[in-house]
Amino acid sequence: TYYADSVKGRFTISRENAKNTVYL
């Protein structure tokens, strides 16, 4: 994962392979 400095520690990106879905 990679994050902008403005959102580090507050936002989390993830993916769920079985659902072909990315979350924020």
PDB file of all heavy atoms in Angstrom:
ATOM      1  N   THR A   1       0.813  -1.214   0.000  1.00  0.00           N
ATOM      2  CA  THR A   1       0.000   0.000   0.000  1.00  0.00           C
ATOM      3  C   THR A   1       0.844   1.261   0.000  1.00  0.00           C
ATOM      4  O   THR A   1       1.995   1.267   0.435  1.00  0.00           O
ATOM      5  CB  THR A   1      -0.933   0.027   1.216  1.00  0.00           C
ATOM      6  OG1 THR A   1      -0.153  -0.059   2.415  1.00  0.00           O
ATOM      7  CG2 THR A   1      -1.907  -1.134   1.179  1.00  0.00           C
ATOM      8  N   TYR A   2       0.223   2.340  -0.466  1.00  0.00           N
ATOM      9  CA  TYR A   2       0.855   3.651  -0.526  1.00  0.00           C
ATOM     10  C   TYR A   2      -0.182   4.689  -0.117  1.00  0.00           C
ATOM     11  O   TYR A   2      -1.358   4.573  -0.451  1.00  0.00           O
ATOM     12  CB  TYR A   2       1.357   3.948  -1.937  1.00  0.00           C
ATOM     13  CG  TYR A   2       2.231   2.859  -2.519  1.00  0.00           C
ATOM     14  CD1 TYR A   2       1.661   1.787  -3.199  1.00  0.00           C
ATOM     15  CD2 TYR A   2       3.617   2.902  -2.389  1.00  0.00           C
ATOM     16  CE1 TYR A   2       2.454   0.777  -3.722  1.00  0.00           C
ATOM     17  CE2 TYR A   2       4.412   1.900  -2.909  1.00  0.00           C
ATOM     18  CZ  TYR A   2       3.831   0.840  -3.580  1.00  0.00           C
ATOM     19  OH  TYR A   2       4.619  -0.155  -4.096  1.00  0.00           O
ATOM     20  N   TYR A   3       0.263   5.726   0.598  1.00  0.00           N
ATOM     21  CA  TYR A   3      -0.652   6.748   1.078  1.00  0.00           C
ATOM     22  C   TYR A   3      -0.087   8.143   0.904  1.00  0.00           C
ATOM     23  O   TYR A   3       1.119   8.357   1.009  1.00  0.00           O
ATOM     24  CB  TYR A   3      -0.966   6.548   2.560  1.00  0.00           C
ATOM     25  CG  TYR A   3      -1.693   5.269   2.873  1.00  0.00           C
ATOM     26  CD1 TYR A   3      -1.003   4.136   3.275  1.00  0.00           C
ATOM     27  CD2 TYR A   3      -3.088   5.199   2.774  1.00  0.00           C
ATOM     28  CE1 TYR A   3      -1.667   2.953   3.562  1.00  0.00           C
ATOM     29  CE2 TYR A   3      -3.754   4.020   3.063  1.00  0.00           C
ATOM     30  CZ  TYR A   3      -3.040   2.903   3.455  1.00  0.00           C
ATOM     31  OH  TYR A   3      -3.708   1.733   3.743  1.00  0.00           O
ATOM     32  N   ALA A   4      -0.983   9.093   0.665  1.00  0.00           N
ATOM     33  CA  ALA A   4      -0.601  10.491   0.700  1.00  0.00           C
ATOM     34  C   ALA A   4      -0.345  10.882   2.144  1.00  0.00           C
ATOM     35  O   ALA A   4      -0.970  10.353   3.063  1.00  0.00           O
ATOM     36  CB  ALA A   4      -1.709  11.358   0.106  1.00  0.00           C
ATOM     37  N   ASP A   5       0.571  11.817   2.356  1.00  0.00           N
ATOM     38  CA  ASP A   5       0.905  12.243   3.717  1.00  0.00           C
ATOM     39  C   ASP A   5      -0.308  12.770   4.472  1.00  0.00           C
ATOM     40  O   ASP A   5      -0.421  12.592   5.688  1.00  0.00           O
ATOM     41  CB  ASP A   5       1.992  13.314   3.682  1.00  0.00           C
ATOM     42  CG  ASP A   5       3.341  12.772   3.259  1.00  0.00           C
ATOM     43  OD1 ASP A   5       3.553  11.547   3.362  1.00  0.00           O
ATOM     44  OD2 ASP A   5       4.194  13.572   2.832  1.00  0.00           O
ATOM     45  N   SER A   6      -1.221  13.388   3.774  1.00  0.00           N
ATOM     46  CA  SER A   6      -2.381  14.005   4.401  1.00  0.00           C
ATOM     47  C   SER A   6      -3.362  13.006   5.007  1.00  0.00           C
ATOM     48  O   SER A   6      -4.192  13.387   5.841  1.00  0.00           O
ATOM     49  CB  SER A   6      -3.118  14.889   3.390  1.00  0.00           C
ATOM     50  OG  SER A   6      -3.560  14.129   2.278  1.00  0.00           O
ATOM     51  N   VAL A   7      -3.272  11.733   4.605  1.00  0.00           N
ATOM     52  CA  VAL A   7      -4.222  10.741   5.102  1.00  0.00           C
ATOM     53  C   VAL A   7      -3.570   9.599   5.863  1.00  0.00           C
ATOM     54  O   VAL A   7      -4.280   8.727   6.387  1.00  0.00           O
ATOM     55  CB  VAL A   7      -5.078  10.161   3.953  1.00  0.00           C
ATOM     56  CG1 VAL A   7      -5.770  11.282   3.188  1.00  0.00           C
ATOM     57  CG2 VAL A   7      -4.222   9.310   3.017  1.00  0.00           C
ATOM     58  N   LYS A   8      -2.264   9.589   5.967  1.00  0.00           N
ATOM     59  CA  LYS A   8      -1.564   8.525   6.684  1.00  0.00           C
ATOM     60  C   LYS A   8      -2.024   8.456   8.138  1.00  0.00           C
ATOM     61  O   LYS A   8      -2.126   9.463   8.819  1.00  0.00           O
ATOM     62  CB  LYS A   8      -0.053   8.750   6.640  1.00  0.00           C
ATOM     63  CG  LYS A   8       0.584   8.445   5.306  1.00  0.00           C
ATOM     64  CD  LYS A   8       2.093   8.646   5.356  1.00  0.00           C
ATOM     65  CE  LYS A   8       2.736   8.316   4.022  1.00  0.00           C
ATOM     66  NZ  LYS A   8       4.201   8.559   4.043  1.00  0.00           N
ATOM     67  N   GLY A   9      -2.312   7.243   8.589  1.00  0.00           N
ATOM     68  CA  GLY A   9      -2.780   7.047   9.945  1.00  0.00           C
ATOM     69  C   GLY A   9      -4.276   7.196  10.105  1.00  0.00           C
ATOM     70  O   GLY A   9      -4.825   6.834  11.154  1.00  0.00           O
ATOM     71  N   ARG A  10      -4.955   7.711   9.092  1.00  0.00           N
ATOM     72  CA  ARG A  10      -6.402   7.910   9.158  1.00  0.00           C
ATOM     73  C   ARG A  10      -7.158   7.061   8.143  1.00  0.00           C
ATOM     74  O   ARG A  10      -8.259   6.589   8.427  1.00  0.00           O
ATOM     75  CB  ARG A  10      -6.750   9.383   8.932  1.00  0.00           C
ATOM     76  CG  ARG A  10      -6.137  10.327   9.957  1.00  0.00           C
ATOM     77  CD  ARG A  10      -6.702  11.739   9.827  1.00  0.00           C
ATOM     78  NE  ARG A  10      -6.442  12.318   8.508  1.00  0.00           N
ATOM     79  CZ  ARG A  10      -7.392  12.692   7.647  1.00  0.00           C
ATOM     80  NH1 ARG A  10      -8.675  12.549   7.967  1.00  0.00           N
ATOM     81  NH2 ARG A  10      -7.069  13.225   6.480  1.00  0.00           N
ATOM     82  N   PHE A  11      -6.588   6.881   6.962  1.00  0.00           N
ATOM     83  CA  PHE A  11      -7.233   6.116   5.893  1.00  0.00           C
ATOM     84  C   PHE A  11      -6.522   4.782   5.703  1.00  0.00           C
ATOM     85  O   PHE A  11      -5.303   4.676   5.877  1.00  0.00           O
ATOM     86  CB  PHE A  11      -7.188   6.876   4.571  1.00  0.00           C
ATOM     87  CG  PHE A  11      -8.059   8.104   4.510  1.00  0.00           C
ATOM     88  CD1 PHE A  11      -8.659   8.622   5.644  1.00  0.00           C
ATOM     89  CD2 PHE A  11      -8.268   8.738   3.296  1.00  0.00           C
ATOM     90  CE1 PHE A  11      -9.453   9.756   5.585  1.00  0.00           C
ATOM     91  CE2 PHE A  11      -9.060   9.872   3.222  1.00  0.00           C
ATOM     92  CZ  PHE A  11      -9.652  10.379   4.356  1.00  0.00           C
ATOM     93  N   THR A  12      -7.279   3.761   5.308  1.00  0.00           N
ATOM     94  CA  THR A  12      -6.718   2.454   5.018  1.00  0.00           C
ATOM     95  C   THR A  12      -7.307   1.912   3.723  1.00  0.00           C
ATOM     96  O   THR A  12      -8.527   1.840   3.581  1.00  0.00           O
ATOM     97  CB  THR A  12      -6.996   1.455   6.149  1.00  0.00           C
ATOM     98  OG1 THR A  12      -6.439   1.937   7.375  1.00  0.00           O
ATOM     99  CG2 THR A  12      -6.359   0.103   5.828  1.00  0.00           C
ATOM    100  N   ILE A  13      -6.445   1.525   2.792  1.00  0.00           N
ATOM    101  CA  ILE A  13      -6.898   0.914   1.551  1.00  0.00           C
ATOM    102  C   ILE A  13      -6.713  -0.593   1.656  1.00  0.00           C
ATOM    103  O   ILE A  13      -5.722  -1.074   2.215  1.00  0.00           O
ATOM    104  CB  ILE A  13      -6.142   1.478   0.328  1.00  0.00           C
ATOM    105  CG1 ILE A  13      -6.744   0.934  -0.974  1.00  0.00           C
ATOM    106  CG2 ILE A  13      -4.651   1.172   0.407  1.00  0.00           C
ATOM    107  CD1 ILE A  13      -6.198   1.608  -2.233  1.00  0.00           C
ATOM    108  N   SER A  14      -7.659  -1.344   1.135  1.00  0.00           N
ATOM    109  CA  SER A  14      -7.580  -2.796   1.169  1.00  0.00           C
ATOM    110  C   SER A  14      -8.327  -3.378  -0.018  1.00  0.00           C
ATOM    111  O   SER A  14      -9.049  -2.662  -0.716  1.00  0.00           O
ATOM    112  CB  SER A  14      -8.155  -3.351   2.475  1.00  0.00           C
ATOM    113  OG  SER A  14      -9.529  -3.029   2.601  1.00  0.00           O
ATOM    114  N   ARG A  15      -8.133  -4.673  -0.257  1.00  0.00           N
ATOM    115  CA  ARG A  15      -8.873  -5.327  -1.332  1.00  0.00           C
ATOM    116  C   ARG A  15      -9.383  -6.675  -0.855  1.00  0.00           C
ATOM    117  O   ARG A  15      -8.782  -7.329   0.002  1.00  0.00           O
ATOM    118  CB  ARG A  15      -8.020  -5.464  -2.595  1.00  0.00           C
ATOM    119  CG  ARG A  15      -7.173  -6.730  -2.719  1.00  0.00           C
ATOM    120  CD  ARG A  15      -5.996  -6.721  -1.805  1.00  0.00           C
ATOM    121  NE  ARG A  15      -4.935  -7.618  -2.271  1.00  0.00           N
ATOM    122  CZ  ARG A  15      -4.063  -8.212  -1.479  1.00  0.00           C
ATOM    123  NH1 ARG A  15      -4.102  -7.993  -0.154  1.00  0.00           N
ATOM    124  NH2 ARG A  15      -3.117  -9.003  -1.993  1.00  0.00           N
ATOM    125  N   GLU A  16     -10.511  -7.097  -1.416  1.00  0.00           N
ATOM    126  CA  GLU A  16     -11.102  -8.385  -1.128  1.00  0.00           C
ATOM    127  C   GLU A  16     -11.160  -9.142  -2.448  1.00  0.00           C
ATOM    128  O   GLU A  16     -12.032  -8.893  -3.277  1.00  0.00           O
ATOM    129  CB  GLU A  16     -12.487  -8.229  -0.513  1.00  0.00           C
ATOM    130  CG  GLU A  16     -13.052  -9.519   0.032  1.00  0.00           C
ATOM    131  CD  GLU A  16     -14.288  -9.310   0.883  1.00  0.00           C
ATOM    132  OE1 GLU A  16     -14.667  -8.146   1.118  1.00  0.00           O
ATOM    133  OE2 GLU A  16     -14.875 -10.300   1.329  1.00  0.00           O
ATOM    134  N   ASN A  17     -10.240 -10.072  -2.627  1.00  0.00           N
ATOM    135  CA  ASN A  17     -10.074 -10.764  -3.898  1.00  0.00           C
ATOM    136  C   ASN A  17     -11.344 -11.460  -4.390  1.00  0.00           C
ATOM    137  O   ASN A  17     -11.686 -11.385  -5.569  1.00  0.00           O
ATOM    138  CB  ASN A  17      -8.948 -11.796  -3.796  1.00  0.00           C
ATOM    139  CG  ASN A  17      -7.600 -11.165  -3.517  1.00  0.00           C
ATOM    140  OD1 ASN A  17      -7.499 -10.138  -2.837  1.00  0.00           O
ATOM    141  ND2 ASN A  17      -6.541 -11.773  -4.040  1.00  0.00           N
ATOM    142  N   ALA A  18     -12.028 -12.152  -3.494  1.00  0.00           N
ATOM    143  CA  ALA A  18     -13.201 -12.927  -3.872  1.00  0.00           C
ATOM    144  C   ALA A  18     -14.334 -12.064  -4.408  1.00  0.00           C
ATOM    145  O   ALA A  18     -15.182 -12.550  -5.154  1.00  0.00           O
ATOM    146  CB  ALA A  18     -13.688 -13.758  -2.695  1.00  0.00           C
ATOM    147  N   LYS A  19     -14.358 -10.800  -4.040  1.00  0.00           N
ATOM    148  CA  LYS A  19     -15.426  -9.900  -4.472  1.00  0.00           C
ATOM    149  C   LYS A  19     -14.990  -8.895  -5.524  1.00  0.00           C
ATOM    150  O   LYS A  19     -15.787  -8.058  -5.944  1.00  0.00           O
ATOM    151  CB  LYS A  19     -15.999  -9.153  -3.269  1.00  0.00           C
ATOM    152  CG  LYS A  19     -16.734 -10.039  -2.273  1.00  0.00           C
ATOM    153  CD  LYS A  19     -17.390  -9.200  -1.185  1.00  0.00           C
ATOM    154  CE  LYS A  19     -18.198 -10.074  -0.244  1.00  0.00           C
ATOM    155  NZ  LYS A  19     -18.863  -9.259   0.809  1.00  0.00           N
ATOM    156  N   ASN A  20     -13.729  -8.967  -5.945  1.00  0.00           N
ATOM    157  CA  ASN A  20     -13.202  -7.990  -6.898  1.00  0.00           C
ATOM    158  C   ASN A  20     -13.506  -6.567  -6.449  1.00  0.00           C
ATOM    159  O   ASN A  20     -13.969  -5.729  -7.230  1.00  0.00           O
ATOM    160  CB  ASN A  20     -13.784  -8.231  -8.301  1.00  0.00           C
ATOM    161  CG  ASN A  20     -13.047  -9.309  -9.067  1.00  0.00           C
ATOM    162  OD1 ASN A  20     -12.283 -10.092  -8.502  1.00  0.00           O
ATOM    163  ND2 ASN A  20     -13.275  -9.365 -10.377  1.00  0.00           N
ATOM    164  N   THR A  21     -13.231  -6.309  -5.193  1.00  0.00           N
ATOM    165  CA  THR A  21     -13.589  -5.031  -4.603  1.00  0.00           C
ATOM    166  C   THR A  21     -12.419  -4.415  -3.840  1.00  0.00           C
ATOM    167  O   THR A  21     -11.680  -5.119  -3.148  1.00  0.00           O
ATOM    168  CB  THR A  21     -14.781  -5.187  -3.648  1.00  0.00           C
ATOM    169  OG1 THR A  21     -15.896  -5.727  -4.368  1.00  0.00           O
ATOM    170  CG2 THR A  21     -15.183  -3.850  -3.052  1.00  0.00           C
ATOM    171  N   VAL A  22     -12.274  -3.110  -3.989  1.00  0.00           N
ATOM    172  CA  VAL A  22     -11.279  -2.341  -3.258  1.00  0.00           C
ATOM    173  C   VAL A  22     -12.004  -1.403  -2.302  1.00  0.00           C
ATOM    174  O   VAL A  22     -13.029  -0.820  -2.657  1.00  0.00           O
ATOM    175  CB  VAL A  22     -10.383  -1.537  -4.215  1.00  0.00           C
ATOM    176  CG1 VAL A  22      -9.355  -0.732  -3.432  1.00  0.00           C
ATOM    177  CG2 VAL A  22      -9.687  -2.464  -5.192  1.00  0.00           C
ATOM    178  N   TYR A  23     -11.463  -1.245  -1.104  1.00  0.00           N
ATOM    179  CA  TYR A  23     -12.091  -0.409  -0.094  1.00  0.00           C
ATOM    180  C   TYR A  23     -11.174   0.728   0.326  1.00  0.00           C
ATOM    181  O   TYR A  23      -9.951   0.628   0.245  1.00  0.00           O
ATOM    182  CB  TYR A  23     -12.440  -1.225   1.151  1.00  0.00           C
ATOM    183  CG  TYR A  23     -13.333  -2.404   0.893  1.00  0.00           C
ATOM    184  CD1 TYR A  23     -12.799  -3.683   0.766  1.00  0.00           C
ATOM    185  CD2 TYR A  23     -14.711  -2.248   0.782  1.00  0.00           C
ATOM    186  CE1 TYR A  23     -13.618  -4.774   0.535  1.00  0.00           C
ATOM    187  CE2 TYR A  23     -15.529  -3.336   0.550  1.00  0.00           C
ATOM    188  CZ  TYR A  23     -14.984  -4.595   0.429  1.00  0.00           C
ATOM    189  OH  TYR A  23     -15.799  -5.676   0.194  1.00  0.00           O
ATOM    190  N   LEU A  24     -11.791   1.798   0.781  1.00  0.00           N
ATOM    191  CA  LEU A  24     -11.062   2.882   1.410  1.00  0.00           C
ATOM    192  C   LEU A  24     -11.773   3.193   2.716  1.00  0.00           C
ATOM    193  O   LEU A  24     -12.858   3.782   2.718  1.00  0.00           O
ATOM    194  CB  LEU A  24     -11.008   4.129   0.526  1.00  0.00           C
ATOM    195  CG  LEU A  24     -10.189   5.291   1.104  1.00  0.00           C
ATOM    196  CD1 LEU A  24      -8.699   4.920   1.139  1.00  0.00           C
ATOM    197  CD2 LEU A  24     -10.382   6.564   0.278  1.00  0.00           C
TER     198      LEU A  24
END
